[in-house]
Protein backbone atom coordinates (compact mmCIF):
# COMPACT_ATOMS: atom_id res chain seq x y z
CA MET A 1 -2.72 -12.27 8.98
CA ASP A 2 -0.54 -10.24 6.60
CA THR A 3 0.35 -13.20 4.35
CA LEU A 4 -2.77 -15.32 3.94
CA PRO A 5 -5.22 -12.60 2.72
CA PRO A 6 -3.04 -11.44 -0.20
CA LEU A 7 -2.25 -15.06 -1.07
CA VAL A 8 -5.96 -15.87 -1.30
CA LEU A 9 -6.56 -12.82 -3.48
CA ILE A 10 -3.64 -13.76 -5.74
CA LEU A 11 -5.12 -17.23 -6.28
CA ILE A 12 -8.54 -15.75 -7.07
CA ALA A 13 -7.18 -13.05 -9.38
CA ALA A 14 -4.87 -15.51 -11.17
CA GLY A 15 -7.96 -17.09 -12.70
CA LYS A 16 -8.92 -13.82 -14.40
CA LYS A 17 -6.74 -12.81 -17.32
CA GLU A 18 -7.40 -9.07 -17.04
CA LEU A 19 -6.39 -9.08 -13.37
CA ARG A 20 -3.13 -11.01 -13.80
CA SER A 21 -1.61 -7.99 -15.55
CA SER A 22 -3.05 -5.40 -13.16
CA LEU A 23 -0.84 -3.38 -10.83
CA ILE A 24 -2.99 -4.33 -7.84
CA PHE A 25 -2.13 -7.96 -8.60
CA TYR A 26 1.59 -7.10 -8.54
CA PHE A 27 1.05 -5.15 -5.30
CA LEU A 28 -0.56 -8.21 -3.70
CA VAL A 29 2.30 -10.47 -4.87
CA LEU A 30 4.80 -8.03 -3.37
CA GLN A 31 2.93 -7.94 -0.06
CA CYS A 32 2.64 -11.71 0.10
CA VAL A 33 6.34 -12.35 -0.65
CA LEU A 34 7.81 -9.64 1.57
CA ASN A 35 5.43 -10.24 4.47
CA MET A 36 6.12 -13.97 4.34
CA TYR A 37 9.87 -13.34 4.32
CA ALA A 38 9.60 -10.85 7.20
CA ASN A 39 7.59 -13.40 9.21
CA LEU A 40 10.17 -16.12 8.56
CA LEU A 41 12.94 -13.87 9.84
CA THR A 42 11.15 -13.47 13.18
CA ILE A 43 11.43 -17.21 13.84
CA PRO A 44 15.20 -17.15 14.62
CA ASN A 45 14.70 -13.74 16.27
CA THR A 46 16.47 -11.90 13.42
CA ASN A 47 15.98 -8.20 12.75
CA ASN A 48 13.55 -8.01 9.82
CA LEU A 49 12.98 -4.26 9.75
CA TYR A 50 15.02 -3.77 6.57
CA ILE A 51 12.28 -5.67 4.70
CA TYR A 52 9.88 -2.83 5.44
CA HIS A 53 12.18 -0.34 3.70
CA TYR A 54 11.88 -2.41 0.51
CA ASN A 55 8.15 -2.85 1.04
CA CYS A 56 7.60 0.88 1.44
CA LEU A 57 9.62 1.82 -1.65
CA PHE A 58 8.33 -0.85 -4.05
CA SER A 59 4.72 -0.55 -2.87
CA PHE A 60 4.85 3.19 -3.44
CA PHE A 61 6.17 2.74 -6.99
CA ILE A 62 3.59 0.08 -7.90
CA LEU A 63 0.69 2.13 -6.53
CA SER A 64 2.00 5.28 -8.21
CA LEU A 65 1.87 3.41 -11.53
CA PHE A 66 -1.66 2.28 -10.64
CA TYR A 67 -2.74 5.91 -10.28
CA ILE A 68 -0.95 6.95 -13.47
CA ARG A 69 -3.04 4.37 -15.34
CA LEU A 70 -6.16 5.28 -13.39
CA PHE A 71 -6.03 9.03 -14.07
CA ASN A 72 -4.44 8.68 -17.52
CA THR A 73 -3.80 12.35 -18.28
CA PRO A 74 -0.51 14.08 -19.17
CA ASN A 75 -0.76 16.46 -16.19
CA THR A 76 -1.38 13.76 -13.58
CA LYS A 77 1.37 11.65 -15.14
CA ARG A 78 3.88 14.47 -14.72
CA ILE A 79 2.74 15.17 -11.16
CA ILE A 80 2.97 11.53 -10.10
CA PHE A 81 6.38 11.08 -11.74
CA GLY A 82 7.59 14.23 -9.98
CA ALA A 83 6.21 13.02 -6.64
CA ALA A 84 7.92 9.64 -7.17
CA LEU A 85 11.29 11.32 -7.79
CA LEU A 86 10.89 13.51 -4.70
CA PHE A 87 9.81 10.52 -2.62
CA THR A 88 12.84 8.50 -3.78
CA LEU A 89 15.20 11.32 -2.80
CA LEU A 90 13.62 11.74 0.64
CA PHE A 91 13.52 7.95 1.10
CA LEU A 92 17.27 7.75 0.49
CA ILE A 93 17.98 10.64 2.86
CA ASP A 94 15.79 9.00 5.52
CA THR A 95 17.45 5.59 5.07
CA ILE A 96 21.02 6.91 5.04
CA TYR A 97 20.84 9.60 7.73
CA LEU A 98 17.73 9.21 9.89
CA GLU A 99 16.25 5.70 9.94
CA PRO A 100 18.79 3.11 8.73
CA MET A 101 17.92 -0.34 7.49
CA ASP A 102 17.92 -1.86 10.99
CA GLN A 103 15.12 0.51 12.08
CA PHE A 104 11.50 0.81 11.00
CA ASN A 105 11.23 3.61 8.44
CA SER A 106 8.41 5.67 9.96
CA ASN A 107 9.27 8.82 8.01
CA SER A 108 9.18 7.12 4.61
CA PHE A 109 5.97 5.23 5.35
CA CYS A 110 4.28 8.43 6.54
CA LEU A 111 5.35 10.30 3.41
CA ALA A 112 4.18 7.45 1.16
CA ALA A 113 0.85 7.33 3.01
CA PHE A 114 0.38 11.09 2.71
CA ILE A 115 1.02 11.10 -1.05
CA LEU A 116 -1.08 8.00 -1.79
CA CYS A 117 -3.98 9.33 0.28
CA GLY A 118 -3.79 12.50 -1.82
CA TYR A 119 -4.15 10.42 -5.00
CA SER A 120 -7.03 8.48 -3.44
CA LEU A 121 -8.89 11.64 -2.45
CA TYR A 122 -8.37 13.11 -5.91
CA TYR A 123 -9.90 9.95 -7.43
CA PHE A 124 -12.94 10.20 -5.13
CA MET A 125 -13.37 13.88 -5.99
CA ARG A 126 -13.11 13.13 -9.70
CA ILE A 127 -15.68 10.35 -9.79
CA PHE A 128 -18.19 12.30 -7.71
CA LYS A 129 -17.76 15.40 -9.87
CA ASN A 130 -17.91 13.46 -13.14
CA PRO A 131 -20.03 10.35 -12.58
CA THR A 132 -20.11 7.73 -15.32
CA GLY A 133 -23.00 5.57 -16.38
CA THR A 134 -21.69 2.74 -14.21
CA HIS A 135 -22.65 2.81 -10.53
CA ILE A 136 -19.52 3.24 -8.42
CA SER A 137 -20.29 0.09 -6.41
CA MET A 138 -19.81 -1.89 -9.63
CA SER A 139 -16.43 -0.30 -10.38
CA ARG A 140 -13.31 -2.37 -9.75
CA ASP A 141 -11.10 0.70 -9.46
CA PHE A 142 -13.43 2.29 -6.91
CA TRP A 143 -12.96 -0.63 -4.54
CA PHE A 144 -9.21 -0.84 -5.17
CA ASN A 145 -8.89 2.87 -4.42
CA THR A 146 -11.04 2.53 -1.31
CA GLY A 147 -8.78 -0.26 -0.04
CA ILE A 148 -5.65 1.83 -0.60
CA PHE A 149 -7.23 4.88 1.04
CA SER A 150 -8.39 2.90 4.09
CA TYR A 151 -5.03 1.20 4.64
CA TYR A 152 -2.79 4.24 4.29
CA THR A 153 -5.08 6.74 6.02
CA ILE A 154 -5.63 4.71 9.18
CA ASN A 155 -2.10 3.31 9.35
CA PHE A 156 -0.55 6.78 9.01
CA PHE A 157 -0.87 7.13 12.78
CA ILE A 158 0.75 3.72 13.34
CA PHE A 159 3.59 4.48 10.93
CA ILE A 160 4.40 7.81 12.56
CA THR A 161 5.05 6.25 15.98
CA TYR A 162 6.29 2.76 15.14
CA ASN A 163 10.02 3.49 14.87
CA LYS A 164 10.05 5.23 18.26
CA LEU A 165 8.19 2.32 19.83
CA THR A 166 10.58 -0.27 18.34
CA ILE A 167 13.61 1.63 19.63
CA GLU A 168 12.01 1.81 23.09
CA LYS A 169 10.96 -1.88 22.81
CA SER A 170 7.49 -0.91 23.94
CA PRO A 171 5.17 -3.75 25.02
CA LEU A 172 2.49 -2.06 22.92
CA LEU A 173 4.25 -3.08 19.71
CA ILE A 174 2.55 -6.44 19.36
CA TYR A 175 -0.94 -4.93 19.79
CA ILE A 176 -0.24 -2.05 17.44
CA TRP A 177 1.01 -4.38 14.70
CA GLN A 178 -2.04 -6.59 15.22
CA LEU A 179 -4.15 -3.49 14.61
CA HIS A 180 -2.08 -2.81 11.48
CA ASN A 181 -2.74 -6.36 10.26
CA THR A 182 -6.47 -5.93 10.89
CA ILE A 183 -6.46 -2.80 8.73
CA PHE A 184 -4.44 -4.70 6.11
CA LEU A 185 -7.17 -7.38 6.15
CA ILE A 186 -9.84 -4.71 5.62
CA MET A 187 -7.90 -3.44 2.60
CA CYS A 188 -7.80 -6.98 1.22
CA ILE A 189 -11.58 -7.30 1.71
CA TYR A 190 -12.08 -4.15 -0.38
CA PHE A 191 -9.72 -5.61 -2.99
CA TYR A 192 -11.76 -8.85 -2.98
CA VAL A 193 -14.94 -6.88 -3.72
CA GLY A 194 -13.09 -5.10 -6.53
CA ILE A 195 -11.84 -8.36 -7.99
CA GLN A 196 -15.45 -9.56 -8.25
CA CYS A 197 -16.46 -6.50 -10.29
CA LYS A 198 -16.42 -6.74 -14.07
CA THR A 199 -15.60 -3.14 -14.97
CA ASN A 200 -12.73 -0.71 -14.36
CA ASP A 201 -14.92 2.39 -14.88
């Protein structure tokens, strides 16, 4: 469920020139490739948790660039760059000292989710305070932001416990990750609606 939805969206977006160069398109490609690789590694019963370290880091960078373009002001650019540098430092500390590559990186995912939800909420606040002539339901960026907000807000509670559950080999893991994949699908549905829109306003 975490490979097919982004693949479908990639195929749809590939037919639209303006979407092929969008950061959401690159985010979907990243999700498709890394999720597919992680799924393949589970076939021979190999530890695939290191893939999620890469997914967390690269997804955060791509979505940070998305918000830099979305807000497009010198102040927000500086803030997002500063947050990215701080996140990278804390990610490295987490990976080296707390949650190595053979463990799920709950701390890094939670931090990424917290920061990205902050950007999402700021976007919502901005569009409701300064509405444009275009209805928000017709805005591509509105639906992309809604997808990001939904995924990272709800999954924050999964991320915060997942490393502990993997270490304990809890039988709940399979159900919790199925819930994660359902939320991932919901994000992709929001992205699909955004892809159908004709404006970025």
